[in-house]
C-alpha cells in the first residue's frame, strides 16, 4: 500500500473512483503478505500487486466490476489440482482478497489516512470483510481519534480498542466480532491494517534469560535486537532467526540507536560495568519500558551508582527493577513471561490483579 499510495492520492484528489484490492488472509506458500495491495484506476491504469502476477488479471476484472457497481466483493485464489491452467496460484498457497470501491463519497477518511501514512504517523484502517455489517465499510483509527463507521456503535468501539492495540505493535490481520462488537462471537470479520513499524525490543546481555525474553518479544510482535559486548555469547545460533544479534558495548550501541515511546529496553547483564552506563543512557531517552534484572541487593547497589551519575529522581523512577512481575518464576522461560506481563500491564494500565478479584469490564474502555 505504501508503494502505490502516491498514485492513489492523485486519483482520490481528482475525485476519480478506483478499485482497491487488498490481501486480507493467506495460507501456506502464498506470494504476498496480508496488506499487499493492487488498485485499478482511470483508463484501466493498474498499480501494485496482490500475487506477483498469478491472479492479477482476475483481480483487474473484479476491480472494474466493483467500481461499476459500488459494492465491495471478496475473492479467494488457490491452486487447482483439477485444472492447473485455471486462475490461481502456482505456488500452491491461497490468498483472500477484498476489493472495494474508493472515492471521496465511499471513503471520506481515505485522504486523511493517506496523509498520515505519508507523514509516518501511525494509523490503522479497519475494513469489514464478511458478515452482517456492510462489506467494505471502513473505520480509520488513530491514537487519539477515529473516522468512519463499521455500522454499529458497539462494533466501532470494540474494533477501535483492538485497532489501537494492533497499532501499538504494528500488526495486521483479521479479527472476529458479533454484530455489535461482541468479542466471543465471529459473525463479523474485520481486517485491521496497521500502518506503523513494529516497536523495538532491545535486550542487553546475551544470557539464557535473554533467549527466552527475545522469543516472547518476537511472539508479541516486537522487532527484537540482542546486544552484548562478548562475542562468545552474542551469537545468532543462540536466538530465534527473527532476532538481530549485535556485538557491541551496550551503552555505545544504544547511544547510536533511535528509540521512541513504544520501545522496550530490557537490561539483563546485571554487571555494573555494563548496567550503569547503559541505564544512564536509557533513562534519558524515550522508551515505553526500561527494566533491569538483578536481586534486591544488586538493585540497591545499581541505584546508588546511578544516583552518583547525576540521574534525577524523575529519571530513576522510570526504571523497573527488579524486572518483571511477581509470578514466582524460576526458569528463563517463566521469567520471560513475567517480564512480558509487566510490559503489557504498563502499556495498557493493567492492575496485575487476578481477574477473579476484580469487577467491571475486563477490557478497559478506550475512548477516542
Protein backbone atom coordinates (compact mmCIF):
# COMPACT_ATOMS: atom_id res chain seq x y z
CA UNK A 1 0.00 0.00 0.00
CA UNK A 2 2.77 2.44 0.89
CA UNK A 3 4.40 1.94 -2.52
CA UNK A 4 1.27 2.77 -4.52
CA UNK A 5 -0.08 5.48 -2.22
CA UNK A 6 1.14 8.49 -4.29
CA UNK A 7 -0.92 7.29 -7.26
CA UNK A 8 -3.96 6.58 -5.09
CA UNK A 9 -3.74 10.06 -3.57
CA UNK A 10 -3.69 11.57 -7.07
CA UNK A 11 -6.80 9.62 -8.12
CA UNK A 12 -8.57 10.45 -4.88
CA UNK A 13 -7.79 14.16 -5.14
CA UNK A 14 -9.19 14.13 -8.69
CA UNK A 15 -12.37 12.51 -7.28
CA UNK A 16 -11.95 9.58 -9.66
CA UNK A 17 -13.31 6.30 -8.22
CA UNK A 18 -10.89 3.38 -8.22
CA UNK A 19 -10.98 -0.25 -7.18
CA UNK A 20 -8.66 -1.17 -4.32
CA UNK A 21 -7.81 -4.86 -3.85
CA UNK A 22 -6.15 -5.86 -0.58
CA UNK A 23 -4.86 -9.25 0.54
CA UNK A 24 -6.62 -9.90 3.86
CA UNK A 25 -5.59 -13.52 4.52
CA UNK A 26 -3.02 -16.02 3.26
CA UNK A 27 -2.22 -19.68 3.78
CA UNK A 28 0.74 -21.92 3.01
CA UNK A 29 3.24 -20.56 0.49
CA UNK A 30 1.27 -17.52 -0.66
CA UNK A 31 3.38 -14.99 -2.59
CA UNK A 32 2.29 -11.84 -0.73
CA UNK A 33 1.53 -10.99 2.89
CA UNK A 34 -1.73 -9.52 4.27
CA UNK A 35 -1.87 -5.84 3.39
CA UNK A 36 -0.43 -6.25 -0.11
CA UNK A 37 -2.50 -4.10 -2.44
CA UNK A 38 -3.35 -3.51 -6.09
CA UNK A 39 -5.54 -0.74 -7.50
CA UNK A 40 -7.29 -0.17 -10.81
CA UNK A 41 -7.97 3.44 -11.70
CA UNK A 42 -8.95 5.65 -14.62
CA UNK A 43 -8.08 4.50 -18.15
CA UNK A 44 -7.51 0.99 -16.73
CA UNK A 45 -4.26 2.07 -15.06
CA UNK A 46 -3.01 -0.58 -12.64
CA UNK A 47 -0.62 -0.13 -9.73
CA UNK A 48 0.58 -2.64 -7.15
CA UNK A 49 0.21 -6.40 -6.94
CA UNK A 50 -1.59 -8.98 -4.82
CA UNK A 51 0.15 -12.12 -6.06
CA UNK A 52 3.19 -11.23 -8.10
CA UNK A 53 1.33 -11.88 -11.36
CA UNK A 54 -0.64 -15.11 -10.85
CA UNK A 55 -4.15 -13.70 -10.39
CA UNK A 56 -3.80 -10.02 -11.27
CA UNK A 57 -5.93 -10.44 -14.41
CA UNK A 58 -8.87 -11.79 -12.43
CA UNK A 59 -8.47 -9.09 -9.78
CA UNK A 60 -8.38 -6.44 -12.51
CA UNK A 61 -11.76 -7.62 -13.81
CA UNK A 62 -13.17 -7.74 -10.29
CA UNK A 63 -11.96 -4.21 -9.55
CA UNK A 64 -13.75 -2.91 -12.63
CA UNK A 65 -16.96 -4.63 -11.53
CA UNK A 66 -16.65 -3.15 -8.06
CA UNK A 67 -16.20 0.40 -9.36
CA UNK A 68 -19.18 -0.01 -11.68
CA UNK A 69 -21.48 -1.44 -9.01
CA UNK A 70 -20.20 0.46 -6.00
CA UNK A 71 -20.30 -2.79 -3.99
CA UNK A 72 -17.26 -4.43 -2.39
CA UNK A 73 -16.53 -8.09 -3.16
CA UNK A 74 -14.40 -10.90 -1.72
CA UNK A 75 -12.45 -13.44 -3.76
CA UNK A 76 -10.17 -16.36 -2.88
CA UNK A 77 -7.49 -17.80 -5.11
CA UNK A 78 -5.62 -21.07 -4.70
CA UNK A 79 -4.03 -23.83 -6.72
CA UNK A 80 -6.42 -26.19 -8.55
CA UNK A 81 -5.26 -29.79 -8.98
CA UNK A 82 -8.13 -30.43 -11.40
CA UNK A 83 -7.18 -27.60 -13.72
CA UNK A 84 -3.67 -26.25 -13.32
CA UNK A 85 -4.37 -23.68 -16.05
CA UNK A 86 -7.29 -22.12 -14.19
CA UNK A 87 -6.84 -18.77 -12.48
CA UNK A 88 -4.91 -19.49 -9.31
CA UNK A 89 -1.57 -19.56 -7.55
CA UNK A 90 1.10 -21.81 -8.99
CA UNK A 91 2.96 -21.69 -5.67
CA UNK A 92 0.33 -23.87 -4.01
CA UNK A 93 -0.78 -21.25 -1.50
CA UNK A 94 -4.08 -19.43 -1.11
CA UNK A 95 -4.96 -15.77 -0.73
CA UNK A 96 -8.19 -14.00 0.15
CA UNK A 97 -8.64 -10.60 -1.47
CA UNK A 98 -11.09 -7.84 -0.59
CA UNK A 99 -11.86 -5.49 -3.47
CA UNK A 100 -13.69 -2.28 -2.65
CA UNK A 101 -14.53 0.98 -4.42
CA UNK A 102 -12.73 4.07 -3.13
CA UNK A 103 -13.74 7.68 -3.72
CA UNK A 104 -14.45 10.72 -1.53
CA UNK A 105 -18.08 9.59 -1.45
CA UNK A 106 -17.48 5.96 -0.45
CA UNK A 107 -14.49 6.56 1.86
CA UNK A 108 -14.36 10.16 3.18
CA UNK A 109 -11.44 9.37 5.52
CA UNK A 110 -9.12 7.95 2.86
CA UNK A 111 -7.41 11.30 2.27
CA UNK A 112 -6.61 11.75 5.96
CA UNK A 113 -5.35 8.18 6.20
CA UNK A 114 -3.11 8.66 3.17
CA UNK A 115 -1.73 11.89 4.62
CA UNK A 116 -0.90 10.14 7.91
CA UNK A 117 0.81 7.23 6.17
CA UNK A 118 2.85 9.61 4.02
CA UNK A 119 3.86 11.61 7.09
CA UNK A 120 4.84 8.49 9.01
CA UNK A 121 2.04 8.95 11.54
CA UNK A 122 0.51 5.74 12.92
CA UNK A 123 -2.99 4.79 11.80
CA UNK A 124 -4.96 1.56 11.49
CA UNK A 125 -7.69 1.05 8.89
CA UNK A 126 -10.40 -1.44 9.88
CA UNK A 127 -12.46 -2.82 6.99
CA UNK A 128 -15.44 -5.17 7.11
CA UNK A 129 -14.64 -8.32 5.15
CA UNK A 130 -17.67 -10.51 5.85
CA UNK A 131 -20.81 -10.75 7.95
CA UNK A 132 -23.97 -8.73 8.56
CA UNK A 133 -22.04 -5.44 8.70
CA UNK A 134 -21.67 -3.63 5.36
CA UNK A 135 -18.79 -5.24 3.44
CA UNK A 136 -16.09 -2.70 2.60
CA UNK A 137 -17.12 -0.26 5.33
CA UNK A 138 -14.06 1.32 6.94
CA UNK A 139 -13.10 2.82 10.27
CA UNK A 140 -9.83 4.75 10.46
CA UNK A 141 -8.26 4.67 13.92
CA UNK A 142 -5.50 6.98 15.09
CA UNK A 143 -4.05 7.02 18.63
CA UNK A 144 -6.36 9.88 19.59
CA UNK A 145 -9.25 9.95 17.13
CA UNK A 146 -11.36 7.89 14.72
CA UNK A 147 -13.20 8.48 11.44
CA UNK A 148 -15.87 6.44 9.69
CA UNK A 149 -18.07 3.62 10.96
CA UNK A 150 -18.49 -0.13 10.52
CA UNK A 151 -22.23 0.03 11.06
CA UNK A 152 -22.94 -0.02 14.81
CA UNK A 153 -21.55 1.92 17.79
CA UNK A 154 -20.72 -1.31 19.65
CA UNK A 155 -18.75 -2.74 16.75
CA UNK A 156 -16.95 0.59 16.28
CA UNK A 157 -15.97 0.68 19.97
CA UNK A 158 -14.65 -2.89 20.06
CA UNK A 159 -12.72 -2.53 16.82
CA UNK A 160 -11.28 0.83 17.90
CA UNK A 161 -9.86 -0.73 21.06
CA UNK A 162 -8.36 -3.66 19.16
CA UNK A 163 -7.07 -1.43 16.36
CA UNK A 164 -5.14 0.67 18.84
CA UNK A 165 -3.70 -2.47 20.35
CA UNK A 166 -2.59 -3.68 16.93
CA UNK A 167 -1.25 -0.21 16.11
CA UNK A 168 0.93 -0.30 19.20
CA UNK A 169 2.57 -3.41 17.75
CA UNK A 170 2.38 -2.51 14.07
CA UNK A 171 0.36 -5.70 13.49
CA UNK A 172 -2.04 -6.50 10.64
CA UNK A 173 -4.63 -9.28 10.42
CA UNK A 174 -8.24 -10.48 10.70
CA UNK A 175 -10.40 -10.15 13.82
CA UNK A 176 -13.87 -11.51 14.52
CA UNK A 177 -16.81 -9.96 16.40
CA UNK A 178 -20.53 -10.16 16.94
CA UNK A 179 -22.79 -7.67 15.09
CA UNK A 180 -22.47 -5.19 17.97
CA UNK A 181 -18.84 -5.83 18.83
CA UNK A 182 -19.28 -8.94 20.97
CA UNK A 183 -15.79 -10.38 21.39
CA UNK A 184 -16.73 -14.04 21.78
CA UNK A 185 -18.66 -14.17 18.52
CA UNK A 186 -17.47 -14.41 14.92
CA UNK A 187 -20.38 -13.17 12.81
CA UNK A 188 -18.42 -10.17 11.53
CA UNK A 189 -14.90 -10.44 10.09
CA UNK A 190 -12.83 -7.27 10.13
CA UNK A 191 -9.40 -6.70 8.56
CA UNK A 192 -7.13 -4.48 10.66
CA UNK A 193 -4.39 -2.93 8.52
CA UNK A 194 -1.84 -1.12 10.69
CA UNK A 195 0.42 1.48 9.14
CA UNK A 196 3.18 1.58 11.71
CA UNK A 197 6.51 -0.18 12.00
CA UNK A 198 6.63 -2.80 14.76
CA UNK A 199 8.01 -1.43 18.03
CA UNK A 200 11.51 -2.35 19.04
CA UNK A 201 12.60 -4.54 21.92
CA UNK A 202 16.26 -4.03 22.84
CA UNK A 203 17.65 -6.82 25.02
CA UNK A 204 21.09 -6.28 26.56
CA UNK A 205 23.04 -9.25 27.86
CA UNK A 206 23.11 -12.42 25.74
CA UNK A 207 22.39 -14.84 28.57
CA UNK A 208 19.88 -17.70 28.72
CA UNK A 209 17.22 -15.33 30.05
CA UNK A 210 17.79 -13.12 27.01
CA UNK A 211 16.99 -16.03 24.70
CA UNK A 212 13.64 -16.54 26.40
CA UNK A 213 12.84 -12.81 26.55
CA UNK A 214 13.74 -12.42 22.87
CA UNK A 215 11.49 -15.34 21.96
CA UNK A 216 8.49 -13.90 23.77
CA UNK A 217 9.27 -10.48 22.29
CA UNK A 218 9.03 -11.92 18.78
CA UNK A 219 5.78 -13.65 19.75
CA UNK A 220 4.32 -10.31 20.92
CA UNK A 221 5.20 -8.63 17.63
CA UNK A 222 8.33 -6.70 18.56
CA UNK A 223 11.36 -6.23 16.34
CA UNK A 224 13.94 -7.71 18.70
CA UNK A 225 17.65 -6.91 18.94
CA UNK A 226 20.01 -8.59 21.42
CA UNK A 227 23.26 -6.77 22.18
CA UNK A 228 26.27 -7.92 24.19
CA UNK A 229 29.92 -6.88 24.19
CA UNK A 230 31.02 -10.53 24.50
CA UNK A 231 31.13 -12.26 21.10
CA UNK A 232 31.26 -15.70 22.69
CA UNK A 233 27.69 -15.14 23.96
CA UNK A 234 26.28 -12.86 21.24
CA UNK A 235 25.95 -15.48 18.52
CA UNK A 236 22.88 -15.74 16.23
CA UNK A 237 22.59 -19.52 16.72
CA UNK A 238 21.55 -18.96 20.35
CA UNK A 239 18.50 -16.90 19.36
CA UNK A 240 15.42 -17.20 17.15
CA UNK A 241 16.04 -16.49 13.47
CA UNK A 242 13.94 -13.31 13.63
CA UNK A 243 16.24 -11.76 16.26
CA UNK A 244 19.05 -9.38 15.32
CA UNK A 245 22.24 -10.06 17.32
CA UNK A 246 24.79 -7.27 17.78
CA UNK A 247 28.26 -7.43 19.31
CA UNK A 248 28.96 -4.03 20.87
CA UNK A 249 29.21 -2.30 24.21
CA UNK A 250 25.57 -1.86 25.28
CA UNK A 251 25.71 1.87 26.08
CA UNK A 252 27.53 2.62 22.84
CA UNK A 253 25.02 0.66 20.77
CA UNK A 254 22.06 2.34 22.48
CA UNK A 255 23.61 5.78 22.02
CA UNK A 256 23.58 5.22 18.25
CA UNK A 257 20.09 3.67 18.12
CA UNK A 258 16.79 5.51 17.74
CA UNK A 259 14.09 4.79 20.32
CA UNK A 260 10.54 6.05 20.69
CA UNK A 261 7.63 5.89 23.12
CA UNK A 262 6.91 2.27 22.09
CA UNK A 263 10.45 0.94 22.58
CA UNK A 264 11.07 -1.70 25.24
CA UNK A 265 14.53 -1.92 26.83
CA UNK A 266 15.45 -4.99 28.89
CA UNK A 267 18.79 -4.88 30.70
CA UNK A 268 19.76 -8.44 31.66
CA UNK A 269 23.52 -8.05 32.08
CA UNK A 270 23.43 -7.37 35.89
CA UNK A 271 27.07 -6.29 35.73
CA UNK A 272 27.81 -2.69 36.83
CA UNK A 273 30.34 -2.03 34.09
CA UNK A 274 27.58 -2.70 31.54
CA UNK A 275 24.45 -1.72 33.51
CA UNK A 276 25.34 1.72 34.79
CA UNK A 277 26.44 3.46 31.58
CA UNK A 278 23.66 1.68 29.68
CA UNK A 279 20.91 2.75 32.09
CA UNK A 280 22.34 6.25 32.27
CA UNK A 281 21.76 6.44 28.51
CA UNK A 282 18.39 4.61 28.55
CA UNK A 283 16.74 6.64 31.30
CA UNK A 284 17.35 9.90 29.43
CA UNK A 285 15.68 8.86 26.18
CA UNK A 286 12.15 7.96 25.05
CA UNK A 287 11.01 4.41 25.84
CA UNK A 288 7.81 2.67 26.92
CA UNK A 289 9.56 0.34 29.33
CA UNK A 290 13.02 0.12 30.88
CA UNK A 291 13.62 -2.93 33.05
CA UNK A 292 16.77 -4.28 34.67
CA UNK A 293 17.40 -7.78 36.04
CA UNK A 294 19.02 -8.45 39.38
CA UNK A 295 18.48 -9.30 43.02
CA UNK A 296 17.32 -6.78 45.61
CA UNK A 297 20.94 -6.31 46.64
CA UNK A 298 22.01 -5.79 43.03
CA UNK A 299 19.19 -3.28 42.60
CA UNK A 300 20.23 -1.26 45.66
CA UNK A 301 23.85 -1.17 44.53
CA UNK A 302 22.80 -0.25 40.99
CA UNK A 303 20.57 2.59 42.20
CA UNK A 304 23.39 4.00 44.33
CA UNK A 305 25.71 4.03 41.33
CA UNK A 306 23.04 5.60 39.12
CA UNK A 307 22.43 8.38 41.63
CA UNK A 308 26.15 9.11 41.57
CA UNK A 309 25.98 9.60 37.78
CA UNK A 310 23.62 12.54 38.29
CA UNK A 311 20.33 10.97 37.19
CA UNK A 312 17.32 12.76 38.68
CA UNK A 313 14.61 11.13 40.82
CA UNK A 314 12.17 11.50 37.93
CA UNK A 315 14.55 9.73 35.57
CA UNK A 316 15.24 6.97 38.06
CA UNK A 317 11.51 6.45 38.66
CA UNK A 318 11.21 5.10 35.11
CA UNK A 319 13.34 2.07 35.94
CA UNK A 320 11.50 -1.21 36.56
CA UNK A 321 13.88 -3.12 38.79
CA UNK A 322 13.98 -5.93 39.68
CA UNK A 323 12.47 -6.66 36.29
CA UNK A 324 9.11 -8.42 35.87
CA UNK A 325 6.02 -9.23 37.95
CA UNK A 326 5.98 -11.48 41.00
CA UNK A 327 4.78 -14.72 39.40
CA UNK A 328 7.09 -16.95 41.37
CA UNK A 329 9.06 -17.50 38.15
CA UNK A 330 12.16 -19.73 38.23
CA UNK A 331 13.16 -20.81 34.74
CA UNK A 332 14.28 -18.39 31.98
CA UNK A 333 11.00 -19.02 30.17
CA UNK A 334 8.94 -18.24 33.27
CA UNK A 335 10.95 -15.09 33.90
CA UNK A 336 10.33 -14.04 30.29
CA UNK A 337 6.60 -14.43 30.87
CA UNK A 338 6.81 -12.24 33.99
CA UNK A 339 8.71 -9.56 32.05
CA UNK A 340 6.19 -9.70 29.20
CA UNK A 341 3.31 -9.44 31.67
CA UNK A 342 4.83 -6.31 33.21
CA UNK A 343 5.35 -4.73 29.77
CA UNK A 344 1.73 -5.42 28.78
CA UNK A 345 0.35 -4.18 32.10
CA UNK A 346 2.36 -0.97 31.90
CA UNK A 347 1.27 -0.33 28.32
CA UNK A 348 -2.46 -0.73 28.98
CA UNK A 349 -2.67 0.30 32.61
CA UNK A 350 -3.44 -3.17 33.94
CA UNK A 351 -3.71 -3.70 37.69
CA UNK A 352 -1.85 -7.04 37.64
CA UNK A 353 -4.55 -8.38 39.98
CA UNK A 354 -6.23 -11.75 39.28
CA UNK A 355 -9.41 -11.18 37.27
CA UNK A 356 -11.30 -13.21 39.88
CA UNK A 357 -10.57 -10.37 42.33
CA UNK A 358 -11.69 -7.54 40.03
CA UNK A 359 -15.09 -6.42 38.78
CA UNK A 360 -16.46 -4.49 35.83
CA UNK A 361 -15.27 -4.65 32.24
CA UNK A 362 -12.30 -6.93 31.60
CA UNK A 363 -11.14 -4.71 28.73
CA UNK A 364 -10.89 -1.07 29.79
CA UNK A 365 -12.91 1.36 27.72
CA UNK A 366 -10.88 3.08 25.02
CA UNK A 367 -12.34 6.45 24.12
CA UNK A 368 -11.45 8.42 21.03
